[in-house]
Protein backbone atom coordinates (compact mmCIF):
# COMPACT_ATOMS: atom_id res chain seq x y z
CA UNK A 1 16.32 98.27 185.61
CA UNK A 2 15.62 95.22 183.48
CA UNK A 3 17.94 96.41 180.72
CA UNK A 4 20.81 96.93 183.23
CA UNK A 5 20.36 93.35 184.48
CA UNK A 6 20.27 92.02 180.89
CA UNK A 7 23.47 93.92 180.04
CA UNK A 8 25.20 92.54 183.13
CA UNK A 9 24.20 88.95 182.24
CA UNK A 10 25.34 89.44 178.64
CA UNK A 11 28.69 90.80 179.85
CA UNK A 12 29.05 87.91 182.29
CA UNK A 13 28.30 85.41 179.44
CA UNK A 14 30.85 87.08 177.15
CA UNK A 15 33.50 87.08 179.88
CA UNK A 16 32.81 83.41 180.54
CA UNK A 17 33.24 82.64 176.81
CA UNK A 18 36.51 84.63 176.74
CA UNK A 19 37.74 82.84 179.83
CA UNK A 20 36.92 79.46 178.28
CA UNK A 21 38.55 80.26 174.92
CA UNK A 22 41.75 81.58 176.45
CA UNK A 23 41.99 79.00 179.23
CA UNK A 24 42.18 81.83 181.73
CA UNK A 25 42.13 81.00 185.44
CA UNK A 26 41.31 84.59 186.40
CA UNK A 27 38.05 85.63 187.97
CA UNK A 28 38.30 89.41 187.76
CA UNK A 29 36.95 91.13 184.67
CA UNK A 30 40.18 93.10 184.04
CA UNK A 31 42.35 89.99 184.41
CA UNK A 32 40.19 88.02 181.94
CA UNK A 33 40.46 90.84 179.39
CA UNK A 34 44.26 91.07 179.88
CA UNK A 35 44.59 87.28 179.48
CA UNK A 36 42.52 87.50 176.30
CA UNK A 37 44.72 90.25 174.87
CA UNK A 38 47.82 88.24 175.70
CA UNK A 39 46.28 85.17 174.03
CA UNK A 40 45.51 87.18 170.86
CA UNK A 41 49.09 88.51 170.77
CA UNK A 42 50.47 84.96 171.08
CA UNK A 43 48.22 83.83 168.24
CA UNK A 44 49.48 86.69 166.05
CA UNK A 45 53.09 85.68 166.75
CA UNK A 46 52.35 82.05 165.90
CA UNK A 47 50.65 83.13 162.67
CA UNK A 48 53.67 85.25 161.68
CA UNK A 49 55.98 82.32 162.39
CA UNK A 50 53.85 80.02 160.24
CA UNK A 51 53.84 82.60 157.41
CA UNK A 52 57.65 82.87 157.59
CA UNK A 53 58.03 79.10 157.54
CA UNK A 54 55.63 78.84 154.61
CA UNK A 55 57.51 81.49 152.62
CA UNK A 56 60.82 79.72 153.37
CA UNK A 57 59.40 76.40 152.17
CA UNK A 58 58.06 78.03 149.01
CA UNK A 59 61.49 79.58 148.34
CA UNK A 60 63.14 76.18 148.81
CA UNK A 61 60.59 74.58 146.48
CA UNK A 62 61.18 77.25 143.82
CA UNK A 63 64.96 76.85 144.09
CA UNK A 64 64.61 73.06 143.79
CA UNK A 65 62.37 73.33 140.72
CA UNK A 66 64.75 75.84 139.10
CA UNK A 67 67.64 73.51 139.81
CA UNK A 68 65.79 70.56 138.29
CA UNK A 69 64.84 72.64 135.25
CA UNK A 70 68.42 73.71 134.60
CA UNK A 71 69.99 70.44 135.68
CA UNK A 72 72.04 69.08 132.82
CA UNK A 73 71.79 65.31 132.62
CA UNK A 74 74.80 63.70 130.96
CA UNK A 75 73.86 61.85 127.82
CA UNK A 76 74.10 58.11 128.37
CA UNK A 77 73.41 55.33 125.87
CA UNK A 78 74.04 51.72 126.89
CA UNK A 79 73.33 48.74 124.67
CA UNK A 80 73.73 45.10 125.66
CA UNK A 81 73.29 42.17 123.30
CA UNK A 82 71.77 39.09 124.90
CA UNK A 83 71.25 36.37 122.32
CA UNK A 84 69.46 38.12 119.46
CA UNK A 85 67.89 40.74 121.76
CA UNK A 86 69.29 44.19 122.36
CA UNK A 87 68.70 45.82 125.75
CA UNK A 88 68.88 49.56 125.13
CA UNK A 89 69.10 52.17 127.91
CA UNK A 90 69.03 55.88 127.05
CA UNK A 91 69.20 58.82 129.44
CA UNK A 92 69.52 62.47 128.39
CA UNK A 93 67.93 65.91 128.69
CA UNK A 94 64.29 66.27 127.75
CA UNK A 95 63.47 67.53 124.29
CA UNK A 96 60.63 67.61 121.83
CA UNK A 97 60.09 64.33 119.95
CA UNK A 98 63.10 62.65 121.55
CA UNK A 99 61.29 59.32 121.52
CA UNK A 100 60.32 59.69 117.85
CA UNK A 101 63.91 60.17 116.69
CA UNK A 102 65.07 57.12 118.68
CA UNK A 103 62.27 54.94 117.29
CA UNK A 104 63.11 56.14 113.76
CA UNK A 105 66.73 55.08 114.40
CA UNK A 106 65.50 51.61 115.44
CA UNK A 107 63.46 51.40 112.26
CA UNK A 108 66.41 52.45 110.07
CA UNK A 109 68.56 49.71 111.63
CA UNK A 110 65.84 47.11 111.09
CA UNK A 111 65.06 46.59 114.77
CA UNK A 112 61.62 45.86 116.19
CA UNK A 113 60.88 47.15 119.69
CA UNK A 114 59.35 44.31 121.72
CA UNK A 115 59.02 46.18 125.00
CA UNK A 116 59.82 49.72 126.12
CA UNK A 117 59.58 51.86 129.22
CA UNK A 118 59.86 55.64 128.87
CA UNK A 119 59.96 58.39 131.49
CA UNK A 120 60.35 62.12 131.02
CA UNK A 121 59.67 63.79 134.38
CA UNK A 122 62.96 65.67 134.85
CA UNK A 123 64.97 64.08 132.06
CA UNK A 124 64.32 61.63 129.23
CA UNK A 125 64.91 57.99 130.13
CA UNK A 126 64.12 54.93 128.06
CA UNK A 127 64.72 51.23 128.45
CA UNK A 128 63.79 49.01 125.54
CA UNK A 129 64.17 45.47 124.29
CA UNK A 130 64.61 45.31 120.53
CA UNK A 131 65.14 42.41 118.12
CA UNK A 132 66.30 42.47 114.49
CA UNK A 133 63.62 42.02 111.82
CA UNK A 134 66.01 39.80 109.91
CA UNK A 135 67.73 37.27 112.22
CA UNK A 136 70.61 36.92 109.73
CA UNK A 137 71.35 40.64 110.07
CA UNK A 138 74.69 41.10 111.84
CA UNK A 139 74.32 43.99 114.26
CA UNK A 140 76.66 44.76 117.09
CA UNK A 141 75.77 46.53 120.33
CA UNK A 142 78.38 49.22 119.63
CA UNK A 143 76.79 50.03 116.24
CA UNK A 144 73.31 50.28 117.76
CA UNK A 145 74.61 52.57 120.51
CA UNK A 146 76.30 54.88 117.98
CA UNK A 147 73.16 55.18 115.85
CA UNK A 148 70.98 55.96 118.88
CA UNK A 149 73.52 58.51 120.16
CA UNK A 150 73.46 60.21 116.74
CA UNK A 151 69.64 60.16 116.80
CA UNK A 152 69.56 61.97 120.15
CA UNK A 153 72.10 64.54 118.94
CA UNK A 154 70.28 65.00 115.62
CA UNK A 155 67.04 65.53 117.50
CA UNK A 156 68.59 68.20 119.69
CA UNK A 157 69.64 70.20 116.61
CA UNK A 158 66.54 69.59 114.46
CA UNK A 159 63.80 70.18 116.99
CA UNK A 160 64.68 73.63 118.25
CA UNK A 161 61.54 75.73 118.86
CA UNK A 162 60.69 78.09 116.06
CA UNK A 163 60.52 81.80 116.77
CA UNK A 164 57.20 83.20 115.64
């Protein structure tokens, strides 16, 4: 007799917990169970919708990253001469040692880099202020731009990955 009473109390406690979790207004045992089943089905549908949305977002992210990887950035070299200083702006596709070849070109022309800012997240970008080592050296912005453009093209040919 005691065990039957304990089982009834346990069932009543479990039904009360189910009723609370599912926000059921029902009082009957069968109605509480049906409300609970309906609640579980709704949760499954919400979970499936979230999974679909997540997979769609991941597909969009992958497509965006593929696009950025294969995005061809037009090569751009701009040089301005302000007084004795040269303001150099370079933008092109990423490549190994791109910065090294440009700095070597500066050195060959006799320019000292005073300040530089370089970024290579999705493409190579550089902005630098350079001054001639010899102030009597007559350099034109067009000449500096041509040498840097050649350096970026030379780098693209020279630094191809080796096949091992």
